[in-house]
Structures are given as C-alpha cells and as structure tokens.
Amino acid sequence: MPETYSLCDKKNAALVGLIKRVASAKRVAVVTGAGISVNCGIPDFRSAEGIFQQIQAAHGDTLASGRDLFDASVVFRSAATADIFYRWMTLLRRKCAEAQPGIVHRFIRQLADRGVLLRSYTQNIDGLERKAGLAVWDPYAPKTSAAHVPWQTAQSVPLHGSMDRLTCQLCSSSLHFPEHSRGAVVAGDECPDCRLRSDARLADGRRSLPTGKLRPTVVLYEEPHPHCEDIAKIIAHDTRALGSRRASPPSALSGNGRAAKPCEPHNVIMVFGTTLKVPGCRQLVRQLANASPASTITVFINNEPVCGKSWDGIVDYQVIGDVDAWCLRIQHQWNLQPKITRWTKTRKAAAPEARLAAQKKPPRTNAANKENSNASSAKDCQPASRKRKRLDACDDGLLSVRRSVRIAERESLDLYHQSSPHAIYVCI
C-alpha cells in the first residue's frame, strides 16, 4: 500500500522530505481531475454536491441517475433526455466561462515556466488550462488558426475533450462554443453547415438533406473516443521521455524498487483531484509510472484516500489534504532554493527564445570579418613575417583582380585558389 501522509501534519519529516524531492524534480508529468476546479466555482461530478447529484435532484423522474446524462447509450435514446443534456451543457459552459484559473492551474503553468513540465493530462472539460496560459492541444482547431497547437509542443492534453467548441453529430464540422447564449448558437441547435447544404439543394429544386445538431466536443461514457489514437501517440512519446532519464543506481533504491536518495535525478508524476475511477485515467497513470520505476516517483494528492493495495508498485506516496495547499507548499520550497538554482532553471526555460534571438542577429560586415580574420591569423603558429607577406600578396592580388576582371577573370581566380584560405578570407 502506498505511503500515506496527512498534509495537515506540517512537522512530519517524511512529508517534508517528499516535498523537497518534488520541488527539485527534473521532469514532472501531471494528471488532474475535477477536484482542482472546485475552488474555481465549478462543481465536481461524484461528490455529495457534485453535478451527478444536482442532475438527479432536478430530473429524477426522467433519469435513473445523474451519470446517465453523460452516458451516450442513454442520453440520445429519446428527445427528452437529449434536450436535458443540451440545457445542462449550455449551463455548464456558462459556468466555465465565468470561472478563473485556480492555484493548481497556476502551479502547472509555473512548472512549464521553470522548464520541468513534461505534460499535463487533464480529465476536465472547463478549459481553465488555456486561461492559465498553457498551450492546450485541440484536435478540432483548424491548422491555420491561432488556437492550433501541435501535440509535440502542447503543454496540456484534455483527455475528455473540452467545452470550447461545438461539433455537428452528422457532418462533424466544428465551431466555437460561445461563452454566452444570447444571440448565438448553443448546444442542441441545428448545424449551420448542414442547413446551408440543405437550403442549396432546395433552391435547385431537389429534396432537402437532414441536418445534424450541435453538441460540445466532450467524450461521454460508452462512446468511442474520436481521437484515441492521437492521445495514445502522445502518451507513448511521454512514456519514452520518462524512461530516457538516467535511472538511480541500485544502492539508491528503496525496498519497493523506487529511487530513495533525494540527491539523485528523478522524475515525478503528480495526480491531483481525481478518484481514478475512469479506466482510461487509471491506465494512463500505470503506464507513466512504469516507464522508469527506478527514477520515477508517483504522488497522489486528494482530499480523501483512494489508492489501496491494488496500487502497490504504482503509486509511491498518497497525500491526504487540499490540493491547493499542496501546491503552495511546493512553491514555498521553491522560494527557499538557492538563487543560483532558480537562475539556472529560468535560464534553461528561456533557452529556446535565446536561440531564436541569436538566429535573428544581423550578418557580419566586411570590416567585422576582416577583424576576426586578423585575430585568427594572430593565433597562428606561423612566423609574423610570413603572415605579413601573405596579407600583402592578398592586397596586391585583389587589386590585380579588380583591374583585369574583364580580361583574365578565370586566371586571376585560379591564382587566388592557389593562395592560402586566410588570404581568400581576408580579400572577401
């Protein structure tokens, strides 16, 4: 069973040591659930005051449970349940638009700014990661739009879709889901592309075509994931990245085969605010944790214990407490680090921008080239008199080429090619 700590026990030496190890991690992968957005005003799904209970209280005569509203095999069985689904999706979209990123979202952004974030996998559909400034992978965004982020550079991957876009259930066209429903399309409306095609056929005197309805680009229960192959490719890439890190030596391993010395380089997998009841999320955590067990620690943070014996060898530490308080403890540990360490990590994170700035430097002038060539010649081991002769020969040869360029260009160039590379460089 994973080692369990209470976040309220601030004097626990083992917990303090774990916080130091997480704060000094070389590479971090994050898996989040609905619990990180509760403090932002968005209810979770499974708690006593969650969305499932709210739906059950409002539509208990139509639905057997609140979960059925997110079950594809149930919700689209009748027009009545589908209308309830569209109304709740529009209401949830409004809540997501009003919410602002919380402490955990800003903590993940800080991981990215420090250059240690490998990827953030979220089960949430609220889109707060994008508001926090993370580059979010959106498979529905057109490649020519500013919202398109290639998966190679994406910092956050929504596992269950998002509420940011609507898609047609018939033609699969997508468009932006407005944050406010006044005077705009909402979930359950007819697809405008389907309507245009149908009206065009009617104008030509042909029969009309069926029109699909718009729904959010979220993945429901009992529904095949439309982008499962793309997500599997991203997970496989990150698994290899975790496994590529240098593993700790055998002497640094604890009894369960995990890295034990805090001074050794290690990876950290943090799981926030989820009960791990979704099979896909459980498989994701197992795959990432098993990528390199010798150099990877997995930490589960939640308000209530979830991991039992079935997670032995997968989850190393279970921290019971508020996820926001955990992030604040890590940030406090970062502030205690030496300034040189923080400077190094900031410089590492800014390395790509520095390389791009170096590529945009203006080309060197002839005077700069001549100056660099003279400096290089000064370091040569040949006698100074020979260098002087070569430079003089170069100047004389350059004047000769300029005078006879139209008469004996090829001969002059052959003469220069017989000279040393230094002479040619100085002439140019």
Protein backbone atom coordinates (compact mmCIF):
# COMPACT_ATOMS: atom_id res chain seq x y z
CA MET A 1 0.00 0.00 0.00
CA PRO A 2 1.38 3.48 -0.84
CA GLU A 3 2.87 5.50 1.98
CA THR A 4 0.15 7.87 3.20
CA TYR A 5 0.73 11.29 4.74
CA SER A 6 -1.63 13.97 6.01
CA LEU A 7 -0.90 17.40 4.63
CA CYS A 8 -2.03 18.92 7.93
CA ASP A 9 0.92 17.32 9.69
CA LYS A 10 3.45 20.05 8.91
CA LYS A 11 6.11 18.61 11.25
CA ASN A 12 6.23 15.21 9.55
CA ALA A 13 9.86 14.84 8.46
CA ALA A 14 8.99 12.25 5.82
CA LEU A 15 6.39 14.60 4.28
CA VAL A 16 8.87 17.49 4.31
CA GLY A 17 11.42 15.28 2.56
CA LEU A 18 8.84 14.32 -0.07
CA ILE A 19 8.04 17.98 -0.73
CA LYS A 20 11.74 18.71 -1.21
CA ARG A 21 12.09 15.85 -3.68
CA VAL A 22 9.09 17.01 -5.69
CA ALA A 23 10.34 20.62 -5.68
CA SER A 24 13.72 19.50 -7.05
CA ALA A 25 12.34 17.17 -9.73
CA LYS A 26 14.00 17.23 -13.13
CA ARG A 27 10.87 16.32 -15.08
CA VAL A 28 7.20 16.39 -14.00
CA ALA A 29 4.09 14.84 -15.52
CA VAL A 30 0.72 15.90 -14.14
CA VAL A 31 -2.66 14.14 -14.22
CA THR A 32 -5.61 16.19 -12.95
CA GLY A 33 -9.30 15.67 -12.28
CA ALA A 34 -12.33 17.75 -11.43
CA GLY A 35 -11.12 18.33 -7.85
CA ILE A 36 -8.70 21.07 -8.93
CA SER A 37 -11.54 23.23 -10.29
CA VAL A 38 -13.89 23.04 -7.31
CA ASN A 39 -12.30 26.08 -5.69
CA CYS A 40 -12.78 27.91 -9.00
CA GLY A 41 -16.57 27.61 -8.75
CA ILE A 42 -17.05 24.55 -10.98
CA PRO A 43 -18.57 21.57 -9.15
CA ASP A 44 -17.08 18.12 -9.50
CA PHE A 45 -19.06 15.10 -10.63
CA ARG A 46 -19.07 12.45 -7.90
CA SER A 47 -19.21 14.30 -4.57
CA ALA A 48 -22.36 14.81 -2.49
CA GLU A 49 -22.84 18.25 -4.05
CA GLY A 50 -21.48 17.34 -7.47
CA ILE A 51 -23.07 17.52 -10.89
CA PHE A 52 -24.40 13.96 -10.78
CA GLN A 53 -26.39 14.70 -7.61
CA GLN A 54 -27.67 18.00 -8.97
CA ILE A 55 -28.95 16.32 -12.15
CA GLN A 56 -30.55 13.52 -10.14
CA ALA A 57 -32.37 16.03 -7.93
CA ALA A 58 -33.65 18.04 -10.91
CA HIS A 59 -34.54 15.21 -13.32
CA GLY A 60 -35.03 12.15 -11.15
CA ASP A 61 -38.29 11.31 -12.94
CA THR A 62 -36.55 11.11 -16.33
CA LEU A 63 -33.08 9.79 -15.49
CA ALA A 64 -32.23 6.89 -13.23
CA SER A 65 -29.03 8.62 -12.10
CA GLY A 66 -27.13 11.81 -12.82
CA ARG A 67 -24.42 9.78 -14.53
CA ASP A 68 -26.90 8.75 -17.25
CA LEU A 69 -26.87 12.28 -18.63
CA PHE A 70 -23.24 11.69 -19.61
CA ASP A 71 -23.84 8.20 -20.99
CA ALA A 72 -24.05 8.17 -24.78
CA SER A 73 -26.12 5.00 -24.77
CA VAL A 74 -28.81 6.69 -22.65
CA VAL A 75 -28.80 10.42 -23.31
CA PHE A 76 -29.54 10.23 -27.06
CA ARG A 77 -32.12 7.49 -26.71
CA SER A 78 -35.00 9.97 -26.58
CA ALA A 79 -35.56 13.61 -27.45
CA ALA A 80 -36.44 14.43 -23.83
CA THR A 81 -33.11 13.25 -22.41
CA ALA A 82 -31.24 14.88 -25.28
CA ASP A 83 -32.88 18.24 -24.53
CA ILE A 84 -31.90 17.93 -20.87
CA PHE A 85 -28.33 17.19 -21.95
CA TYR A 86 -28.17 20.25 -24.21
CA ARG A 87 -29.55 22.54 -21.48
CA TRP A 88 -27.05 21.29 -18.90
CA MET A 89 -24.17 21.62 -21.35
CA THR A 90 -25.12 25.25 -22.05
CA LEU A 91 -25.35 25.93 -18.31
CA LEU A 92 -22.01 24.24 -17.68
CA ARG A 93 -20.42 26.23 -20.49
CA ARG A 94 -21.59 29.43 -18.81
CA LYS A 95 -20.03 28.35 -15.51
CA CYS A 96 -16.76 27.50 -17.24
CA ALA A 97 -16.70 30.91 -18.94
CA GLU A 98 -17.14 32.72 -15.63
CA ALA A 99 -14.52 30.67 -13.76
CA GLN A 100 -10.89 31.71 -13.49
CA PRO A 101 -7.80 29.52 -13.07
CA GLY A 102 -7.05 28.42 -9.53
CA ILE A 103 -3.88 27.74 -7.58
CA VAL A 104 -3.31 24.33 -9.18
CA HIS A 105 -3.67 25.72 -12.70
CA ARG A 106 -1.17 28.48 -11.97
CA PHE A 107 1.12 25.92 -10.32
CA ILE A 108 1.15 23.83 -13.51
CA ARG A 109 1.90 26.98 -15.52
CA GLN A 110 4.80 27.66 -13.16
CA LEU A 111 6.12 24.15 -13.79
CA ALA A 112 6.10 24.95 -17.50
CA ASP A 113 7.86 28.28 -16.93
CA ARG A 114 10.58 26.51 -14.93
CA GLY A 115 11.16 24.11 -17.82
CA VAL A 116 10.33 20.89 -15.93
CA LEU A 117 6.78 20.18 -17.14
CA LEU A 118 6.70 17.18 -19.45
CA ARG A 119 2.92 17.23 -19.98
CA SER A 120 -0.30 17.95 -18.13
CA TYR A 121 -3.11 15.47 -18.74
CA THR A 122 -6.49 16.68 -17.59
CA GLN A 123 -9.87 14.98 -17.37
CA ASN A 124 -11.54 18.37 -17.04
CA ILE A 125 -13.57 19.99 -19.80
CA ASP A 126 -13.63 23.52 -18.36
CA GLY A 127 -10.70 24.91 -20.39
CA LEU A 128 -9.07 26.64 -17.41
CA GLU A 129 -5.65 25.39 -18.50
CA ARG A 130 -5.85 27.63 -21.56
CA LYS A 131 -6.85 30.59 -19.39
CA ALA A 132 -3.81 29.89 -17.19
CA GLY A 133 -1.56 30.36 -20.22
CA LEU A 134 -0.76 26.74 -21.07
CA ALA A 135 -0.54 25.60 -24.69
CA VAL A 136 -3.53 23.25 -24.98
CA TRP A 137 -3.80 20.61 -27.67
CA ASP A 138 -7.09 21.00 -29.56
CA PRO A 139 -7.64 18.46 -32.36
CA TYR A 140 -10.73 20.35 -33.58
CA ALA A 141 -8.94 23.68 -34.10
CA PRO A 142 -8.15 24.44 -37.78
CA LYS A 143 -4.45 24.24 -38.57
CA THR A 144 -4.47 27.78 -39.91
CA SER A 145 -5.97 29.28 -36.73
CA ALA A 146 -4.10 30.68 -33.74
CA ALA A 147 -5.73 28.06 -31.48
CA HIS A 148 -3.98 25.21 -33.28
CA VAL A 149 -1.16 23.75 -31.17
CA PRO A 150 0.80 20.71 -32.43
CA TRP A 151 0.88 17.88 -29.94
CA GLN A 152 4.70 17.99 -29.88
CA THR A 153 4.62 21.45 -28.28
CA ALA A 154 1.34 21.13 -26.36
CA GLN A 155 1.72 21.50 -22.60
CA SER A 156 -1.78 20.31 -21.72
CA VAL A 157 -3.82 17.48 -23.21
CA PRO A 158 -7.58 17.30 -22.46
CA LEU A 159 -8.38 13.59 -22.24
CA HIS A 160 -12.15 14.01 -22.45
CA GLY A 161 -12.46 16.95 -24.82
CA SER A 162 -13.46 20.47 -23.87
CA MET A 163 -16.40 22.86 -23.79
CA ASP A 164 -14.68 25.37 -26.04
CA ARG A 165 -16.09 24.04 -29.31
CA LEU A 166 -19.29 22.57 -30.73
CA THR A 167 -19.37 19.81 -33.30
CA CYS A 168 -22.12 18.53 -35.55
CA GLN A 169 -23.23 14.97 -34.86
CA LEU A 170 -23.95 14.45 -38.57
CA CYS A 171 -21.25 16.19 -40.64
CA SER A 172 -18.60 16.56 -37.87
CA SER A 173 -18.00 20.24 -38.65
CA SER A 174 -16.95 22.27 -35.61
CA LEU A 175 -17.28 25.88 -34.50
CA HIS A 176 -16.59 27.94 -31.40
CA PHE A 177 -18.94 27.44 -28.45
CA PRO A 178 -19.89 31.00 -27.39
CA GLU A 179 -19.45 31.78 -23.72
CA HIS A 180 -22.87 33.43 -23.53
CA SER A 181 -26.01 32.08 -25.20
CA ARG A 182 -27.61 35.44 -26.01
CA GLY A 183 -27.97 35.78 -29.79
CA ALA A 184 -25.57 32.93 -30.60
CA VAL A 185 -25.66 29.22 -31.27
CA VAL A 186 -25.96 26.91 -28.28
CA ALA A 187 -25.82 23.18 -27.76
CA GLY A 188 -28.75 21.49 -29.47
CA ASP A 189 -29.08 23.99 -32.32
CA GLU A 190 -29.06 22.92 -35.95
CA CYS A 191 -25.70 22.77 -37.67
CA PRO A 192 -25.31 25.86 -39.91
CA ASP A 193 -23.24 23.93 -42.46
CA CYS A 194 -25.89 21.23 -42.78
CA ARG A 195 -28.57 23.89 -43.11
CA LEU A 196 -26.66 25.69 -45.90
CA ARG A 197 -26.27 22.47 -47.89
CA SER A 198 -29.93 21.63 -47.45
CA ASP A 199 -31.09 25.11 -48.49
CA ALA A 200 -28.84 24.99 -51.56
CA ARG A 201 -30.48 21.75 -52.67
CA LEU A 202 -33.95 23.18 -52.12
CA ALA A 203 -33.03 26.21 -54.22
CA ASP A 204 -32.07 23.85 -57.06
CA GLY A 205 -35.43 22.10 -56.82
CA ARG A 206 -34.06 18.96 -55.16
CA ARG A 207 -35.08 17.33 -51.90
CA SER A 208 -33.66 18.64 -48.66
CA LEU A 209 -30.94 16.93 -46.63
CA PRO A 210 -31.10 16.05 -42.93
CA THR A 211 -29.44 18.50 -40.54
CA GLY A 212 -27.43 17.48 -37.51
CA LYS A 213 -27.46 19.03 -34.05
CA LEU A 214 -24.54 20.68 -32.35
CA ARG A 215 -23.06 19.23 -29.18
CA PRO A 216 -19.92 20.09 -27.17
CA THR A 217 -16.72 18.30 -28.09
CA VAL A 218 -16.72 16.24 -24.91
CA VAL A 219 -16.38 12.47 -24.71
CA LEU A 220 -19.24 10.68 -22.95
CA TYR A 221 -19.41 7.31 -21.26
CA GLU A 222 -19.94 4.33 -23.57
CA GLU A 223 -18.76 6.40 -26.52
CA PRO A 224 -15.67 5.72 -28.65
CA HIS A 225 -13.05 8.43 -28.30
CA PRO A 226 -12.69 10.18 -31.68
CA HIS A 227 -9.01 10.98 -31.04
CA CYS A 228 -7.89 7.96 -29.05
CA GLU A 229 -5.07 7.15 -31.49
CA ASP A 230 -3.64 10.67 -31.24
CA ILE A 231 -3.75 10.61 -27.44
CA ALA A 232 -2.16 7.16 -27.39
CA LYS A 233 0.69 8.54 -29.54
CA ILE A 234 1.23 11.42 -27.09
CA ILE A 235 1.24 9.08 -24.09
CA ALA A 236 3.71 6.73 -25.80
CA HIS A 237 6.01 9.68 -26.52
CA ASP A 238 5.92 10.84 -22.89
CA THR A 239 6.45 7.30 -21.64
CA ARG A 240 9.65 7.08 -23.67
CA ALA A 241 10.70 10.50 -22.40
CA LEU A 242 10.29 9.41 -18.78
CA GLY A 243 12.18 6.21 -19.46
CA SER A 244 15.06 8.07 -21.08
CA ARG A 245 16.10 9.71 -17.84
CA ARG A 246 19.12 8.26 -16.04
CA ALA A 247 17.93 5.68 -13.53
CA SER A 248 19.20 5.72 -9.97
CA PRO A 249 21.91 3.16 -9.09
CA PRO A 250 20.84 0.00 -7.23
CA SER A 251 22.27 1.32 -3.95
CA ALA A 252 19.89 4.29 -4.10
CA LEU A 253 16.73 2.19 -4.38
CA SER A 254 14.29 1.57 -1.59
CA GLY A 255 12.65 -1.72 -0.83
CA ASN A 256 9.93 -1.35 -3.47
CA GLY A 257 12.47 -0.62 -6.22
CA ARG A 258 11.96 3.15 -6.27
CA ALA A 259 14.56 5.89 -6.03
CA ALA A 260 15.26 6.78 -2.40
CA LYS A 261 18.05 9.36 -2.40
CA PRO A 262 16.77 12.91 -2.89
CA CYS A 263 20.06 13.95 -4.46
CA GLU A 264 19.59 11.61 -7.42
CA PRO A 265 17.91 12.92 -10.60
CA HIS A 266 14.35 11.71 -10.76
CA ASN A 267 11.01 12.21 -12.45
CA VAL A 268 7.77 12.95 -10.62
CA ILE A 269 4.21 12.06 -11.60
CA MET A 270 1.62 14.09 -9.67
CA VAL A 271 -2.03 13.05 -9.68
CA PHE A 272 -4.41 15.78 -8.47
CA GLY A 273 -8.10 15.83 -7.54
CA THR A 274 -9.33 12.59 -9.12
CA THR A 275 -10.73 9.34 -7.77
CA LEU A 276 -9.11 7.31 -10.58
CA LYS A 277 -12.40 5.58 -11.36
CA VAL A 278 -12.23 6.20 -15.11
CA PRO A 279 -10.46 3.18 -16.69
CA GLY A 280 -8.54 5.28 -19.21
CA CYS A 281 -7.12 7.53 -16.48
CA ARG A 282 -6.08 4.53 -14.38
CA GLN A 283 -4.27 3.03 -17.35
CA LEU A 284 -2.55 6.37 -18.05
CA VAL A 285 -1.17 6.61 -14.50
CA ARG A 286 0.03 3.00 -14.60
CA GLN A 287 1.76 3.45 -17.94
CA LEU A 288 3.57 6.63 -16.92
CA ALA A 289 4.60 5.21 -13.53
CA ASN A 290 6.01 2.04 -15.09
CA ALA A 291 8.04 3.96 -17.69
CA SER A 292 11.10 4.09 -15.42
CA PRO A 293 10.31 2.82 -11.91
CA ALA A 294 13.90 3.26 -10.72
CA SER A 295 13.92 7.01 -11.34
CA THR A 296 10.23 7.96 -11.13
CA ILE A 297 8.07 8.60 -8.07
CA THR A 298 4.29 8.87 -8.28
CA VAL A 299 2.49 11.11 -5.80
CA PHE A 300 -1.30 11.10 -5.40
CA ILE A 301 -2.90 14.18 -3.80
CA ASN A 302 -6.59 14.19 -2.89
CA ASN A 303 -8.99 15.16 -0.10
CA GLU A 304 -9.74 11.53 0.67
CA PRO A 305 -7.71 8.32 0.36
CA VAL A 306 -8.27 6.45 -2.89
CA CYS A 307 -5.24 4.26 -3.53
CA GLY A 308 -5.28 0.85 -1.85
CA LYS A 309 -3.26 -2.32 -2.25
CA SER A 310 -4.11 -2.51 -5.92
CA TRP A 311 -1.80 0.48 -6.45
CA ASP A 312 1.25 -1.11 -4.86
CA GLY A 313 4.28 -0.52 -7.05
CA ILE A 314 2.42 2.18 -9.00
CA VAL A 315 1.65 5.00 -6.55
CA ASP A 316 4.50 5.56 -4.10
CA TYR A 317 3.02 8.29 -1.91
CA GLN A 318 -0.53 9.31 -1.07
CA VAL A 319 -1.03 12.77 0.42
CA ILE A 320 -4.40 13.48 2.02
CA GLY A 321 -5.32 17.15 2.01
CA ASP A 322 -6.30 20.13 -0.09
CA VAL A 323 -4.63 20.20 -3.50
CA ASP A 324 -4.20 23.98 -3.33
CA ALA A 325 -2.35 23.67 -0.02
CA TRP A 326 -0.02 21.07 -1.56
CA CYS A 327 0.86 23.40 -4.43
CA LEU A 328 1.54 26.24 -2.01
CA ARG A 329 3.93 24.02 -0.04
CA ILE A 330 5.84 23.20 -3.22
CA GLN A 331 6.01 26.86 -4.22
CA HIS A 332 7.27 27.75 -0.74
CA GLN A 333 10.03 25.17 -1.15
CA TRP A 334 10.95 26.70 -4.50
CA ASN A 335 11.37 30.08 -2.80
CA LEU A 336 13.80 28.51 -0.33
CA GLN A 337 16.06 27.17 -3.06
CA PRO A 338 19.39 28.93 -3.67
CA LYS A 339 19.24 31.80 -6.11
CA ILE A 340 21.73 30.16 -8.43
CA THR A 341 19.44 27.13 -8.78
CA ARG A 342 16.47 29.30 -9.64
CA TRP A 343 18.56 31.31 -12.08
CA THR A 344 19.75 28.13 -13.79
CA LYS A 345 16.21 26.81 -14.22
CA THR A 346 14.97 30.15 -15.51
CA ARG A 347 17.85 30.28 -17.99
CA LYS A 348 17.07 26.73 -19.11
CA ALA A 349 13.43 27.62 -19.68
CA ALA A 350 14.43 30.70 -21.72
CA ALA A 351 16.96 28.80 -23.86
CA PRO A 352 14.65 28.39 -26.92
CA GLU A 353 13.93 32.14 -27.01
CA ALA A 354 17.66 32.88 -26.76
CA ARG A 355 18.41 30.59 -29.68
CA LEU A 356 15.74 32.28 -31.78
CA ALA A 357 17.15 35.70 -30.91
CA ALA A 358 20.63 34.55 -31.90
CA GLN A 359 19.34 33.40 -35.27
CA LYS A 360 17.90 36.86 -35.94
CA LYS A 361 21.23 38.67 -35.43
CA PRO A 362 22.28 40.80 -38.43
CA PRO A 363 25.05 39.35 -40.61
CA ARG A 364 28.59 40.50 -40.01
CA THR A 365 30.02 43.26 -42.14
CA ASN A 366 33.21 43.03 -44.15
CA ALA A 367 35.04 45.06 -41.54
CA ALA A 368 34.00 42.63 -38.80
CA ASN A 369 35.02 39.69 -40.93
CA LYS A 370 38.41 41.26 -41.61
CA GLU A 371 38.89 41.97 -37.90
CA ASN A 372 38.01 38.38 -36.95
CA SER A 373 40.35 37.10 -39.65
CA ASN A 374 43.20 39.20 -38.32
CA ALA A 375 42.55 37.88 -34.82
CA SER A 376 42.55 34.33 -36.13
CA SER A 377 45.81 34.97 -38.01
CA ALA A 378 47.43 36.30 -34.85
CA LYS A 379 46.84 32.95 -33.17
CA ASP A 380 48.52 31.06 -35.98
CA CYS A 381 51.81 29.42 -35.17
CA GLN A 382 53.48 30.63 -38.37
CA PRO A 383 56.09 33.44 -38.22
CA ALA A 384 54.86 37.02 -38.32
CA SER A 385 56.88 37.84 -41.45
CA ARG A 386 55.16 35.10 -43.46
CA LYS A 387 51.73 36.33 -42.31
CA ARG A 388 52.62 39.85 -43.39
CA LYS A 389 53.72 38.63 -46.80
CA ARG A 390 50.52 36.70 -47.29
CA LEU A 391 48.38 39.69 -46.40
CA ASP A 392 50.39 41.92 -48.74
CA ALA A 393 50.07 39.36 -51.51
CA CYS A 394 46.37 39.27 -50.85
CA ASP A 395 46.01 43.05 -51.21
CA ASP A 396 48.11 43.09 -54.41
CA GLY A 397 46.16 40.18 -55.81
CA LEU A 398 42.84 41.87 -55.04
CA LEU A 399 43.87 44.99 -56.95
CA SER A 400 45.04 42.83 -59.83
CA VAL A 401 41.73 41.02 -59.98
CA ARG A 402 39.78 44.26 -59.98
CA ARG A 403 41.88 45.71 -62.82
CA SER A 404 41.79 42.64 -65.05
CA VAL A 405 38.45 41.14 -64.09
CA ARG A 406 37.02 41.52 -67.60
CA ILE A 407 40.18 40.33 -69.31
CA ALA A 408 41.55 37.41 -67.32
CA GLU A 409 38.96 36.65 -64.65
CA ARG A 410 39.44 32.92 -64.62
CA GLU A 411 43.23 33.16 -64.47
CA SER A 412 43.08 35.55 -61.54
CA LEU A 413 40.67 33.32 -59.67
CA ASP A 414 42.92 30.31 -60.27
CA LEU A 415 45.78 32.31 -58.85
CA TYR A 416 43.77 33.07 -55.73
CA HIS A 417 42.76 29.48 -55.25
CA GLN A 418 46.43 28.63 -55.12
CA SER A 419 46.83 31.07 -52.21
CA SER A 420 46.05 30.15 -48.60
CA PRO A 421 42.49 30.12 -47.27
CA HIS A 422 43.42 33.01 -44.98
CA ALA A 423 44.26 35.23 -47.92
CA ILE A 424 40.99 34.46 -49.68
CA TYR A 425 39.01 35.10 -46.45
CA VAL A 426 40.65 38.49 -45.91
CA CYS A 427 40.04 39.51 -49.51
CA ILE A 428 36.38 38.65 -49.34
